[in-house]
N, C-alpha and C. Protein backbone atom coordinates (compact mmCIF):
# COMPACT_ATOMS: atom_id res chain seq x y z
N MET A 1 0.85 -1.19 0.00
CA MET A 1 0.00 0.00 0.00
C MET A 1 0.88 1.24 0.00
N GLU A 2 0.66 2.15 -0.96
CA GLU A 2 1.44 3.38 -1.05
C GLU A 2 0.95 4.39 0.00
N ASP A 3 1.80 5.37 0.33
CA ASP A 3 1.42 6.41 1.27
C ASP A 3 0.18 7.12 0.76
N GLY A 4 -0.82 7.30 1.65
CA GLY A 4 -2.04 7.99 1.28
C GLY A 4 -3.07 7.10 0.59
N GLU A 5 -2.68 5.90 0.24
CA GLU A 5 -3.60 4.98 -0.43
C GLU A 5 -4.48 4.29 0.61
N ALA A 6 -5.75 4.12 0.29
CA ALA A 6 -6.69 3.47 1.21
C ALA A 6 -6.34 1.99 1.33
N PRO A 7 -6.48 1.41 2.54
CA PRO A 7 -6.18 -0.02 2.69
C PRO A 7 -7.18 -0.86 1.91
N PRO A 8 -6.81 -2.09 1.57
CA PRO A 8 -7.74 -2.95 0.82
C PRO A 8 -8.96 -3.31 1.66
N GLU A 9 -10.03 -3.70 0.98
CA GLU A 9 -11.27 -4.09 1.67
C GLU A 9 -11.04 -5.36 2.47
N ARG A 10 -11.71 -5.45 3.60
CA ARG A 10 -11.61 -6.66 4.41
C ARG A 10 -12.34 -7.82 3.73
N GLU A 11 -11.81 -9.02 3.93
CA GLU A 11 -12.47 -10.22 3.44
C GLU A 11 -13.26 -10.81 4.61
N PRO A 12 -14.58 -10.92 4.50
CA PRO A 12 -15.43 -11.31 5.64
C PRO A 12 -15.07 -12.64 6.29
N SER A 13 -14.43 -13.55 5.54
CA SER A 13 -14.11 -14.85 6.11
C SER A 13 -12.65 -15.00 6.51
N ALA A 14 -11.85 -13.96 6.30
CA ALA A 14 -10.40 -14.08 6.53
C ALA A 14 -10.05 -13.93 8.01
N CYS A 15 -9.23 -14.87 8.49
CA CYS A 15 -8.73 -14.81 9.87
C CYS A 15 -7.24 -15.10 9.84
N PHE A 16 -6.43 -14.10 10.10
CA PHE A 16 -4.98 -14.26 10.05
C PHE A 16 -4.46 -14.66 11.43
N VAL A 17 -3.61 -15.67 11.46
CA VAL A 17 -3.05 -16.14 12.72
C VAL A 17 -1.56 -15.82 12.77
N VAL A 18 -1.19 -14.99 13.74
CA VAL A 18 0.22 -14.64 13.98
C VAL A 18 0.78 -15.63 14.99
N MET A 19 1.83 -16.34 14.63
CA MET A 19 2.43 -17.30 15.57
C MET A 19 3.82 -17.71 15.09
N PRO A 20 4.69 -18.13 16.03
CA PRO A 20 6.00 -18.62 15.63
C PRO A 20 5.86 -19.87 14.77
N ILE A 21 6.78 -20.07 13.86
CA ILE A 21 6.74 -21.26 13.01
C ILE A 21 7.92 -22.18 13.34
N GLY A 22 7.76 -23.43 12.97
CA GLY A 22 8.83 -24.40 13.20
C GLY A 22 8.91 -24.89 14.63
N ARG A 23 7.82 -24.81 15.40
CA ARG A 23 7.77 -25.28 16.78
C ARG A 23 6.72 -26.38 16.89
N ASP A 24 7.14 -27.55 17.36
CA ASP A 24 6.23 -28.70 17.42
C ASP A 24 5.02 -28.44 18.30
N ASP A 25 5.23 -27.79 19.45
CA ASP A 25 4.09 -27.57 20.35
C ASP A 25 3.07 -26.62 19.73
N LEU A 26 3.55 -25.60 19.03
CA LEU A 26 2.63 -24.67 18.40
C LEU A 26 1.96 -25.27 17.17
N ASP A 27 2.67 -26.15 16.47
CA ASP A 27 2.04 -26.85 15.35
C ASP A 27 0.87 -27.71 15.85
N ARG A 28 1.04 -28.30 17.02
CA ARG A 28 -0.04 -29.10 17.61
C ARG A 28 -1.23 -28.23 18.01
N VAL A 29 -0.93 -27.06 18.61
CA VAL A 29 -2.01 -26.14 19.00
C VAL A 29 -2.74 -25.66 17.75
N TRP A 30 -2.00 -25.44 16.68
CA TRP A 30 -2.62 -25.04 15.41
C TRP A 30 -3.59 -26.11 14.93
N ARG A 31 -3.12 -27.36 14.90
CA ARG A 31 -3.94 -28.46 14.37
C ARG A 31 -5.15 -28.74 15.26
N GLU A 32 -4.94 -28.73 16.57
CA GLU A 32 -5.99 -29.19 17.48
C GLU A 32 -6.88 -28.07 18.02
N ALA A 33 -6.41 -26.84 17.98
CA ALA A 33 -7.20 -25.74 18.57
C ALA A 33 -7.50 -24.63 17.57
N TYR A 34 -6.48 -23.95 17.09
CA TYR A 34 -6.71 -22.79 16.24
C TYR A 34 -7.49 -23.12 14.96
N GLU A 35 -6.95 -24.03 14.17
CA GLU A 35 -7.56 -24.30 12.86
C GLU A 35 -9.00 -24.79 12.97
N PRO A 36 -9.29 -25.84 13.75
CA PRO A 36 -10.69 -26.31 13.81
C PRO A 36 -11.65 -25.30 14.45
N THR A 37 -11.19 -24.59 15.47
CA THR A 37 -12.08 -23.63 16.14
C THR A 37 -12.42 -22.47 15.22
N ILE A 38 -11.43 -21.94 14.52
CA ILE A 38 -11.67 -20.84 13.58
C ILE A 38 -12.62 -21.29 12.47
N LYS A 39 -12.38 -22.49 11.95
CA LYS A 39 -13.22 -23.01 10.86
C LYS A 39 -14.66 -23.23 11.30
N SER A 40 -14.86 -23.50 12.58
CA SER A 40 -16.23 -23.76 13.07
C SER A 40 -17.12 -22.52 12.95
N PHE A 41 -16.52 -21.35 12.77
CA PHE A 41 -17.29 -20.11 12.58
C PHE A 41 -17.41 -19.74 11.10
N GLY A 42 -16.97 -20.64 10.23
CA GLY A 42 -17.02 -20.35 8.81
C GLY A 42 -15.92 -19.42 8.34
N LEU A 43 -14.91 -19.23 9.19
CA LEU A 43 -13.78 -18.39 8.83
C LEU A 43 -12.66 -19.22 8.21
N ASP A 44 -11.81 -18.55 7.47
CA ASP A 44 -10.69 -19.21 6.80
C ASP A 44 -9.39 -18.88 7.54
N PRO A 45 -8.86 -19.80 8.35
CA PRO A 45 -7.62 -19.52 9.10
C PRO A 45 -6.41 -19.48 8.18
N PHE A 46 -5.66 -18.40 8.26
CA PHE A 46 -4.51 -18.22 7.38
C PHE A 46 -3.24 -18.11 8.21
N ARG A 47 -2.34 -19.05 7.98
CA ARG A 47 -1.03 -19.04 8.64
C ARG A 47 0.01 -18.92 7.54
N ILE A 48 0.88 -17.92 7.64
CA ILE A 48 1.72 -17.53 6.51
C ILE A 48 2.60 -18.67 6.01
N ASP A 49 3.09 -19.54 6.91
CA ASP A 49 3.98 -20.61 6.45
C ASP A 49 3.22 -21.76 5.82
N LYS A 50 1.90 -21.77 5.98
CA LYS A 50 1.08 -22.83 5.39
C LYS A 50 0.62 -22.48 3.98
N ARG A 51 0.55 -21.16 3.69
CA ARG A 51 0.07 -20.74 2.36
C ARG A 51 0.89 -19.57 1.86
N ASP A 52 2.09 -19.85 1.44
CA ASP A 52 2.97 -18.82 0.90
C ASP A 52 2.44 -18.42 -0.48
N GLU A 53 2.08 -17.14 -0.65
CA GLU A 53 1.51 -16.68 -1.91
C GLU A 53 2.56 -16.17 -2.88
N GLY A 54 3.83 -16.30 -2.52
CA GLY A 54 4.90 -15.77 -3.36
C GLY A 54 5.12 -14.30 -3.08
N GLY A 55 6.22 -13.77 -3.56
CA GLY A 55 6.52 -12.36 -3.30
C GLY A 55 7.19 -12.19 -1.95
N LEU A 56 7.36 -10.95 -1.54
CA LEU A 56 8.03 -10.66 -0.27
C LEU A 56 7.14 -11.08 0.89
N LEU A 57 7.73 -11.79 1.85
CA LEU A 57 6.97 -12.32 2.97
C LEU A 57 6.34 -11.20 3.79
N THR A 58 7.10 -10.13 4.05
CA THR A 58 6.57 -9.02 4.86
C THR A 58 5.36 -8.39 4.19
N GLN A 59 5.41 -8.23 2.89
CA GLN A 59 4.28 -7.65 2.17
C GLN A 59 3.05 -8.54 2.26
N GLN A 60 3.28 -9.86 2.18
CA GLN A 60 2.16 -10.80 2.31
C GLN A 60 1.51 -10.69 3.68
N ILE A 61 2.35 -10.63 4.71
CA ILE A 61 1.83 -10.55 6.09
C ILE A 61 1.03 -9.26 6.27
N VAL A 62 1.58 -8.14 5.82
CA VAL A 62 0.89 -6.86 5.94
C VAL A 62 -0.46 -6.92 5.22
N HIS A 63 -0.46 -7.47 4.02
CA HIS A 63 -1.70 -7.56 3.24
C HIS A 63 -2.73 -8.43 3.94
N ARG A 64 -2.28 -9.59 4.47
CA ARG A 64 -3.23 -10.51 5.12
C ARG A 64 -3.82 -9.86 6.38
N ILE A 65 -3.03 -9.12 7.11
CA ILE A 65 -3.54 -8.43 8.30
C ILE A 65 -4.56 -7.36 7.88
N GLN A 66 -4.26 -6.64 6.80
CA GLN A 66 -5.16 -5.59 6.34
C GLN A 66 -6.52 -6.13 5.92
N VAL A 67 -6.54 -7.28 5.27
CA VAL A 67 -7.82 -7.78 4.74
C VAL A 67 -8.55 -8.70 5.71
N SER A 68 -7.92 -9.05 6.84
CA SER A 68 -8.53 -10.02 7.74
C SER A 68 -9.67 -9.42 8.57
N HIS A 69 -10.72 -10.20 8.69
CA HIS A 69 -11.89 -9.85 9.50
C HIS A 69 -11.52 -9.93 10.98
N LEU A 70 -10.61 -10.86 11.29
CA LEU A 70 -10.18 -11.11 12.66
C LEU A 70 -8.72 -11.53 12.64
N VAL A 71 -7.96 -11.14 13.67
CA VAL A 71 -6.55 -11.52 13.79
C VAL A 71 -6.34 -12.19 15.15
N ILE A 72 -5.69 -13.35 15.14
CA ILE A 72 -5.34 -14.05 16.38
C ILE A 72 -3.82 -14.11 16.46
N ALA A 73 -3.27 -13.63 17.58
CA ALA A 73 -1.81 -13.59 17.73
C ALA A 73 -1.38 -14.43 18.92
N ASP A 74 -0.52 -15.41 18.67
CA ASP A 74 0.05 -16.24 19.73
C ASP A 74 1.47 -15.73 20.02
N LEU A 75 1.67 -15.28 21.27
CA LEU A 75 2.94 -14.64 21.64
C LEU A 75 3.93 -15.59 22.29
N THR A 76 3.67 -16.88 22.22
CA THR A 76 4.57 -17.87 22.79
C THR A 76 5.98 -17.73 22.19
N TYR A 77 6.97 -17.83 23.04
CA TYR A 77 8.39 -17.70 22.70
C TYR A 77 8.81 -16.26 22.45
N ALA A 78 7.89 -15.32 22.62
CA ALA A 78 8.21 -13.89 22.52
C ALA A 78 9.02 -13.55 21.27
N ARG A 79 8.57 -14.05 20.13
CA ARG A 79 9.30 -13.80 18.89
C ARG A 79 9.11 -12.34 18.45
N PRO A 80 10.21 -11.63 18.13
CA PRO A 80 10.12 -10.22 17.73
C PRO A 80 9.19 -10.01 16.53
N ASN A 81 9.24 -10.92 15.55
CA ASN A 81 8.40 -10.74 14.37
C ASN A 81 6.91 -10.82 14.72
N CYS A 82 6.57 -11.65 15.72
CA CYS A 82 5.17 -11.75 16.14
C CYS A 82 4.71 -10.46 16.80
N TYR A 83 5.58 -9.85 17.61
CA TYR A 83 5.25 -8.58 18.23
C TYR A 83 5.12 -7.48 17.17
N TYR A 84 5.96 -7.54 16.16
CA TYR A 84 5.88 -6.56 15.06
C TYR A 84 4.54 -6.69 14.35
N GLU A 85 4.15 -7.93 14.04
CA GLU A 85 2.89 -8.17 13.34
C GLU A 85 1.70 -7.77 14.22
N LEU A 86 1.81 -8.05 15.53
CA LEU A 86 0.75 -7.65 16.46
C LEU A 86 0.63 -6.13 16.50
N GLY A 87 1.76 -5.44 16.53
CA GLY A 87 1.75 -3.98 16.54
C GLY A 87 1.08 -3.42 15.30
N PHE A 88 1.36 -4.03 14.16
CA PHE A 88 0.73 -3.57 12.92
C PHE A 88 -0.77 -3.83 12.95
N ALA A 89 -1.16 -5.00 13.47
CA ALA A 89 -2.58 -5.33 13.57
C ALA A 89 -3.31 -4.35 14.47
N HIS A 90 -2.69 -3.98 15.60
CA HIS A 90 -3.31 -3.01 16.49
C HIS A 90 -3.38 -1.63 15.83
N ALA A 91 -2.34 -1.27 15.08
CA ALA A 91 -2.35 0.03 14.39
C ALA A 91 -3.45 0.07 13.34
N MET A 92 -3.63 -1.04 12.64
CA MET A 92 -4.68 -1.12 11.62
C MET A 92 -6.07 -1.05 12.24
N ASN A 93 -6.19 -1.52 13.50
CA ASN A 93 -7.49 -1.60 14.16
C ASN A 93 -7.51 -0.76 15.43
N ARG A 94 -6.86 0.42 15.38
CA ARG A 94 -6.70 1.22 16.60
C ARG A 94 -8.03 1.66 17.19
N THR A 95 -9.08 1.76 16.37
CA THR A 95 -10.40 2.10 16.91
C THR A 95 -11.26 0.86 17.10
N ALA A 96 -10.69 -0.29 16.82
CA ALA A 96 -11.45 -1.55 16.96
C ALA A 96 -10.49 -2.68 17.34
N THR A 97 -9.81 -2.52 18.48
CA THR A 97 -8.82 -3.52 18.90
C THR A 97 -9.46 -4.86 19.22
N PHE A 98 -10.81 -4.89 19.32
CA PHE A 98 -11.47 -6.17 19.57
C PHE A 98 -11.37 -7.10 18.36
N ARG A 99 -10.84 -6.61 17.25
CA ARG A 99 -10.60 -7.49 16.09
C ARG A 99 -9.35 -8.34 16.30
N VAL A 100 -8.62 -8.11 17.38
CA VAL A 100 -7.38 -8.85 17.64
C VAL A 100 -7.52 -9.65 18.93
N ILE A 101 -7.25 -10.95 18.87
CA ILE A 101 -7.30 -11.84 20.04
C ILE A 101 -5.88 -12.30 20.36
N LEU A 102 -5.47 -12.16 21.61
CA LEU A 102 -4.12 -12.56 22.02
C LEU A 102 -4.16 -13.89 22.78
N CYS A 103 -3.18 -14.74 22.48
CA CYS A 103 -3.05 -16.05 23.14
C CYS A 103 -1.58 -16.30 23.47
N CYS A 104 -1.34 -17.27 24.36
CA CYS A 104 0.03 -17.57 24.74
C CYS A 104 0.07 -18.86 25.57
N ARG A 105 1.21 -19.53 25.59
CA ARG A 105 1.38 -20.70 26.44
C ARG A 105 1.39 -20.25 27.90
N GLU A 106 0.81 -21.05 28.78
CA GLU A 106 0.56 -20.61 30.16
C GLU A 106 1.83 -20.34 30.97
N ASP A 107 2.97 -20.90 30.60
CA ASP A 107 4.18 -20.64 31.40
C ASP A 107 4.78 -19.26 31.14
N HIS A 108 4.15 -18.47 30.25
CA HIS A 108 4.57 -17.09 30.03
C HIS A 108 3.86 -16.13 30.97
N ARG A 109 2.90 -16.65 31.71
CA ARG A 109 2.14 -15.81 32.64
C ARG A 109 2.90 -15.71 33.96
N ALA A 110 3.01 -14.50 34.49
CA ALA A 110 3.85 -14.25 35.67
C ALA A 110 3.41 -15.07 36.88
N ASP A 111 2.13 -15.39 37.00
CA ASP A 111 1.67 -16.13 38.18
C ASP A 111 1.63 -17.64 37.97
N SER A 112 2.21 -18.11 36.85
CA SER A 112 2.25 -19.54 36.59
C SER A 112 3.37 -20.20 37.39
N PRO A 113 3.12 -21.39 37.97
CA PRO A 113 4.19 -22.09 38.70
C PRO A 113 5.34 -22.50 37.79
N ARG A 114 5.10 -22.52 36.50
CA ARG A 114 6.14 -22.88 35.52
C ARG A 114 6.61 -21.63 34.75
N TYR A 115 6.47 -20.47 35.36
CA TYR A 115 6.79 -19.20 34.70
C TYR A 115 8.19 -19.22 34.08
N ASP A 116 8.26 -18.92 32.81
CA ASP A 116 9.53 -18.87 32.06
C ASP A 116 9.86 -17.41 31.76
N ARG A 117 10.68 -16.82 32.60
CA ARG A 117 10.96 -15.39 32.48
C ARG A 117 11.65 -15.05 31.16
N THR A 118 12.39 -15.98 30.61
CA THR A 118 13.10 -15.69 29.35
C THR A 118 12.13 -15.49 28.19
N ASN A 119 10.94 -16.07 28.30
CA ASN A 119 9.94 -15.93 27.24
C ASN A 119 8.69 -15.20 27.74
N ARG A 120 8.87 -14.30 28.68
CA ARG A 120 7.72 -13.60 29.25
C ARG A 120 7.02 -12.73 28.20
N ILE A 121 5.81 -12.35 28.52
CA ILE A 121 5.06 -11.44 27.66
C ILE A 121 5.61 -10.03 27.83
N HIS A 122 5.98 -9.42 26.74
CA HIS A 122 6.56 -8.07 26.80
C HIS A 122 5.47 -7.01 26.73
N PHE A 123 5.81 -5.83 27.19
CA PHE A 123 4.92 -4.67 27.20
C PHE A 123 3.72 -4.95 28.12
N ASP A 124 2.89 -3.97 28.27
CA ASP A 124 1.74 -4.11 29.15
C ASP A 124 0.53 -4.56 28.33
N LEU A 125 0.45 -5.87 28.13
CA LEU A 125 -0.65 -6.42 27.33
C LEU A 125 -1.67 -7.17 28.18
N THR A 126 -1.51 -7.13 29.49
CA THR A 126 -2.39 -7.91 30.36
C THR A 126 -3.84 -7.45 30.27
N ASN A 127 -4.06 -6.17 29.95
CA ASN A 127 -5.43 -5.66 29.86
C ASN A 127 -6.12 -6.06 28.57
N HIS A 128 -5.42 -6.81 27.73
CA HIS A 128 -6.02 -7.28 26.48
C HIS A 128 -6.66 -8.66 26.63
N GLY A 129 -6.72 -9.16 27.85
CA GLY A 129 -7.40 -10.44 28.08
C GLY A 129 -6.79 -11.61 27.34
N ILE A 130 -5.51 -11.85 27.56
CA ILE A 130 -4.80 -12.93 26.87
C ILE A 130 -5.36 -14.29 27.28
N LEU A 131 -5.56 -15.15 26.29
CA LEU A 131 -5.97 -16.53 26.55
C LEU A 131 -4.72 -17.40 26.65
N PHE A 132 -4.61 -18.19 27.72
CA PHE A 132 -3.43 -19.03 27.91
C PHE A 132 -3.78 -20.50 27.69
N TRP A 133 -2.87 -21.21 27.03
CA TRP A 133 -3.10 -22.62 26.78
C TRP A 133 -2.05 -23.47 27.49
N ASN A 134 -2.51 -24.63 27.95
CA ASN A 134 -1.64 -25.59 28.64
C ASN A 134 -1.36 -26.74 27.68
N PRO A 135 -0.10 -27.00 27.36
CA PRO A 135 0.21 -28.05 26.38
C PRO A 135 -0.23 -29.44 26.82
N THR A 136 -0.45 -29.64 28.12
CA THR A 136 -0.88 -30.96 28.59
C THR A 136 -2.40 -31.13 28.53
N ASP A 137 -3.13 -30.02 28.35
CA ASP A 137 -4.59 -30.09 28.28
C ASP A 137 -5.12 -28.88 27.52
N LEU A 138 -5.40 -29.09 26.24
CA LEU A 138 -5.86 -27.99 25.40
C LEU A 138 -7.37 -27.77 25.47
N GLY A 139 -8.07 -28.66 26.16
CA GLY A 139 -9.53 -28.58 26.23
C GLY A 139 -10.06 -27.23 26.72
N PRO A 140 -9.61 -26.78 27.90
CA PRO A 140 -10.10 -25.47 28.40
C PRO A 140 -9.78 -24.31 27.45
N PHE A 141 -8.60 -24.34 26.85
CA PHE A 141 -8.21 -23.26 25.93
C PHE A 141 -9.13 -23.25 24.71
N LYS A 142 -9.45 -24.43 24.18
CA LYS A 142 -10.33 -24.51 23.01
C LYS A 142 -11.70 -23.92 23.33
N ARG A 143 -12.20 -24.22 24.51
CA ARG A 143 -13.51 -23.67 24.91
C ARG A 143 -13.45 -22.16 25.06
N GLU A 144 -12.38 -21.67 25.68
CA GLU A 144 -12.22 -20.21 25.86
C GLU A 144 -12.05 -19.52 24.51
N LEU A 145 -11.29 -20.14 23.62
CA LEU A 145 -11.08 -19.56 22.29
C LEU A 145 -12.40 -19.49 21.52
N LEU A 146 -13.19 -20.54 21.64
CA LEU A 146 -14.50 -20.58 20.98
C LEU A 146 -15.37 -19.42 21.47
N GLU A 147 -15.41 -19.25 22.80
CA GLU A 147 -16.23 -18.19 23.39
C GLU A 147 -15.71 -16.81 23.00
N ARG A 148 -14.38 -16.66 22.98
CA ARG A 148 -13.80 -15.36 22.67
C ARG A 148 -14.07 -14.97 21.21
N ILE A 149 -13.90 -15.91 20.31
CA ILE A 149 -14.16 -15.62 18.90
C ILE A 149 -15.63 -15.24 18.70
N GLU A 150 -16.51 -16.01 19.34
CA GLU A 150 -17.95 -15.72 19.23
C GLU A 150 -18.26 -14.30 19.74
N GLN A 151 -17.65 -13.95 20.88
CA GLN A 151 -17.87 -12.63 21.46
C GLN A 151 -17.34 -11.53 20.53
N ARG A 152 -16.13 -11.74 19.99
CA ARG A 152 -15.52 -10.71 19.14
C ARG A 152 -16.27 -10.56 17.82
N LEU A 153 -16.75 -11.66 17.26
CA LEU A 153 -17.51 -11.57 16.02
C LEU A 153 -18.81 -10.80 16.23
N ASP A 154 -19.39 -10.97 17.41
CA ASP A 154 -20.61 -10.21 17.73
C ASP A 154 -20.28 -8.72 17.83
N LEU A 155 -19.16 -8.39 18.48
CA LEU A 155 -18.74 -7.00 18.58
C LEU A 155 -18.44 -6.40 17.21
N ILE A 156 -17.79 -7.18 16.36
CA ILE A 156 -17.46 -6.72 15.02
C ILE A 156 -18.74 -6.44 14.23
N LYS A 157 -19.72 -7.34 14.35
CA LYS A 157 -20.98 -7.15 13.63
C LYS A 157 -21.68 -5.88 14.09
N ARG A 158 -21.72 -5.68 15.41
CA ARG A 158 -22.37 -4.47 15.93
C ARG A 158 -21.62 -3.21 15.49
N ASP A 159 -20.28 -3.29 15.48
CA ASP A 159 -19.48 -2.14 15.06
C ASP A 159 -19.71 -1.84 13.58
N GLU A 160 -19.76 -2.87 12.75
CA GLU A 160 -19.98 -2.67 11.32
C GLU A 160 -21.40 -2.16 11.05
N ASP A 161 -22.39 -2.68 11.80
CA ASP A 161 -23.76 -2.18 11.66
C ASP A 161 -23.84 -0.70 12.02
N ALA A 162 -23.16 -0.33 13.12
CA ALA A 162 -23.15 1.07 13.54
C ALA A 162 -22.47 1.95 12.51
N GLU A 163 -21.37 1.45 11.92
CA GLU A 163 -20.65 2.21 10.90
C GLU A 163 -21.51 2.39 9.65
N ARG A 164 -22.26 1.34 9.27
CA ARG A 164 -23.15 1.46 8.12
C ARG A 164 -24.23 2.52 8.36
N GLU A 165 -24.80 2.49 9.57
CA GLU A 165 -25.82 3.49 9.91
C GLU A 165 -25.23 4.90 9.91
N ALA A 166 -24.02 5.02 10.44
CA ALA A 166 -23.36 6.33 10.45
C ALA A 166 -23.07 6.80 9.02
N ALA A 167 -22.69 5.86 8.16
CA ALA A 167 -22.42 6.20 6.75
C ALA A 167 -23.70 6.67 6.06
N LYS A 168 -24.82 6.01 6.39
CA LYS A 168 -26.11 6.42 5.82
C LYS A 168 -26.47 7.84 6.28
N ARG A 169 -26.24 8.11 7.58
CA ARG A 169 -26.54 9.44 8.09
C ARG A 169 -25.66 10.50 7.44
N ARG A 170 -24.37 10.16 7.27
CA ARG A 170 -23.46 11.11 6.62
C ARG A 170 -23.90 11.39 5.18
N ALA A 171 -24.30 10.32 4.48
CA ALA A 171 -24.74 10.47 3.10
C ALA A 171 -26.00 11.33 3.03
N ALA A 172 -26.93 11.09 3.98
CA ALA A 172 -28.16 11.89 4.01
C ALA A 172 -27.86 13.35 4.30
N GLN A 173 -26.94 13.60 5.23
CA GLN A 173 -26.56 14.97 5.56
C GLN A 173 -25.89 15.66 4.38
N GLN A 174 -25.01 14.93 3.69
CA GLN A 174 -24.33 15.49 2.52
C GLN A 174 -25.33 15.82 1.42
N GLN A 175 -26.33 14.93 1.25
CA GLN A 175 -27.36 15.18 0.24
C GLN A 175 -28.20 16.38 0.61
N GLU A 176 -28.48 16.50 1.92
CA GLU A 176 -29.25 17.65 2.39
C GLU A 176 -28.50 18.95 2.13
N VAL A 177 -27.21 18.94 2.41
CA VAL A 177 -26.39 20.13 2.15
C VAL A 177 -26.37 20.44 0.65
N ALA A 178 -26.20 19.38 -0.16
CA ALA A 178 -26.16 19.56 -1.61
C ALA A 178 -27.49 20.14 -2.11
N ASP A 179 -28.59 19.65 -1.55
CA ASP A 179 -29.91 20.15 -1.95
C ASP A 179 -30.06 21.62 -1.58
N LEU A 180 -29.60 21.98 -0.36
CA LEU A 180 -29.69 23.38 0.07
C LEU A 180 -28.86 24.28 -0.82
N ILE A 181 -27.64 23.80 -1.15
CA ILE A 181 -26.77 24.58 -2.04
C ILE A 181 -27.43 24.74 -3.40
N SER A 182 -28.03 23.63 -3.88
CA SER A 182 -28.69 23.67 -5.18
C SER A 182 -29.85 24.65 -5.17
N GLN A 183 -30.62 24.63 -4.06
CA GLN A 183 -31.74 25.56 -3.93
C GLN A 183 -31.26 27.00 -3.91
N ASP A 184 -30.18 27.24 -3.15
CA ASP A 184 -29.62 28.59 -3.07
C ASP A 184 -29.11 29.06 -4.43
N VAL A 185 -28.47 28.13 -5.14
CA VAL A 185 -27.95 28.48 -6.46
C VAL A 185 -29.10 28.80 -7.41
N ARG A 186 -30.14 27.95 -7.38
CA ARG A 186 -31.30 28.19 -8.24
C ARG A 186 -31.96 29.53 -7.91
N LYS A 187 -32.10 29.77 -6.58
CA LYS A 187 -32.72 31.03 -6.16
C LYS A 187 -31.89 32.22 -6.62
N SER A 188 -30.58 32.13 -6.48
CA SER A 188 -29.69 33.20 -6.89
C SER A 188 -29.78 33.42 -8.40
N LEU A 189 -29.81 32.31 -9.15
CA LEU A 189 -29.91 32.43 -10.61
C LEU A 189 -31.25 33.03 -11.02
N ASP A 190 -32.33 32.58 -10.33
CA ASP A 190 -33.65 33.12 -10.65
C ASP A 190 -33.70 34.62 -10.37
N GLU A 191 -33.14 35.03 -9.23
CA GLU A 191 -33.13 36.46 -8.88
C GLU A 191 -32.30 37.25 -9.89
N ARG A 192 -31.17 36.68 -10.29
CA ARG A 192 -30.30 37.36 -11.26
C ARG A 192 -31.00 37.48 -12.61
N LEU A 193 -31.67 36.39 -13.02
CA LEU A 193 -32.38 36.40 -14.30
C LEU A 193 -33.53 37.41 -14.26
N LYS A 194 -34.23 37.45 -13.11
CA LYS A 194 -35.33 38.39 -12.96
C LYS A 194 -34.81 39.83 -13.05
N ALA A 195 -33.68 40.09 -12.37
CA ALA A 195 -33.10 41.44 -12.39
C ALA A 195 -32.68 41.83 -13.80
N LEU A 196 -32.08 40.90 -14.53
CA LEU A 196 -31.66 41.18 -15.90
C LEU A 196 -32.86 41.43 -16.79
N THR A 197 -33.91 40.63 -16.59
CA THR A 197 -35.12 40.79 -17.39
C THR A 197 -35.76 42.15 -17.14
N GLU A 198 -35.86 42.55 -15.86
CA GLU A 198 -36.45 43.84 -15.51
C GLU A 198 -35.62 44.98 -16.08
N ARG A 199 -34.28 44.85 -16.02
CA ARG A 199 -33.41 45.89 -16.54
C ARG A 199 -33.58 46.02 -18.05
N GLU A 200 -33.71 44.88 -18.73
CA GLU A 200 -33.89 44.91 -20.18
C GLU A 200 -35.23 45.52 -20.55
N GLN A 201 -36.26 45.20 -19.77
CA GLN A 201 -37.58 45.76 -20.02
C GLN A 201 -37.56 47.29 -19.83
N LYS A 202 -36.88 47.75 -18.77
CA LYS A 202 -36.76 49.19 -18.54
C LYS A 202 -35.99 49.87 -19.66
N ARG A 203 -34.93 49.20 -20.13
CA ARG A 203 -34.12 49.77 -21.22
C ARG A 203 -34.96 49.92 -22.48
N ARG A 204 -35.77 48.90 -22.78
CA ARG A 204 -36.61 48.95 -23.97
C ARG A 204 -37.70 50.01 -23.83
N ALA A 205 -38.23 50.08 -22.60
CA ALA A 205 -39.30 51.08 -22.37
C ALA A 205 -38.75 52.48 -22.55
N ALA A 206 -37.53 52.71 -22.04
CA ALA A 206 -36.91 54.03 -22.16
C ALA A 206 -36.61 54.34 -23.64
N LYS A 207 -36.18 53.35 -24.35
CA LYS A 207 -35.85 53.53 -25.77
C LYS A 207 -37.13 53.84 -26.56
N TRP A 208 -38.18 53.11 -26.26
CA TRP A 208 -39.46 53.34 -26.94
C TRP A 208 -39.98 54.74 -26.66
N LYS A 209 -39.79 55.18 -25.42
CA LYS A 209 -40.28 56.52 -25.02
C LYS A 209 -39.53 57.60 -25.78
N ARG A 210 -38.23 57.41 -26.00
CA ARG A 210 -37.45 58.42 -26.72
C ARG A 210 -37.88 58.53 -28.19
N HIS A 211 -38.31 57.43 -28.75
CA HIS A 211 -38.66 57.42 -30.19
C HIS A 211 -40.13 57.71 -30.44
N SER A 212 -40.88 57.87 -29.37
CA SER A 212 -42.32 58.11 -29.56
C SER A 212 -42.63 59.61 -29.43
């Protein structure tokens, strides 16, 4: 996308998943939790290493985030590229951060008995309601993910409905202004035409009087 260019339209079924690649535990979470849960809502889960579209990888990632209806980011292993992609997703949805769902392995949580400080969650993201998964039991995480996606899709629908209504109101207001301007222009033209007509009539009357 060039500077000043509008972002591409969102694809209603697109769901981009930000996550580290080449990790067996995360590949399992993808197969058993992310992919089936996302698909259960009729969404198309997109993981960049699973569907390389060719071209520059960064451009593909940026494009997929731009067009996605929903973004899910797994911050396990605290990979810098995942934080970069998450930052871009938040920037793209700064007025609608509910389009982004955060997840992570439970040992990244500070109050976990297995807390791994080397892979801790960076920045203050705790207020984003991160979903944590336990590699020994993915059942609770799958249920929470299902509920969270359902909740966020409902929020997205309400937000889009509100935006459509706002767009209708803006269009009606713009039309009203255009109509008022048109009326003013017509009135001004009518008054000008009337003045010209009266002036011409007076000129002719004066001319007739001189010759009579």
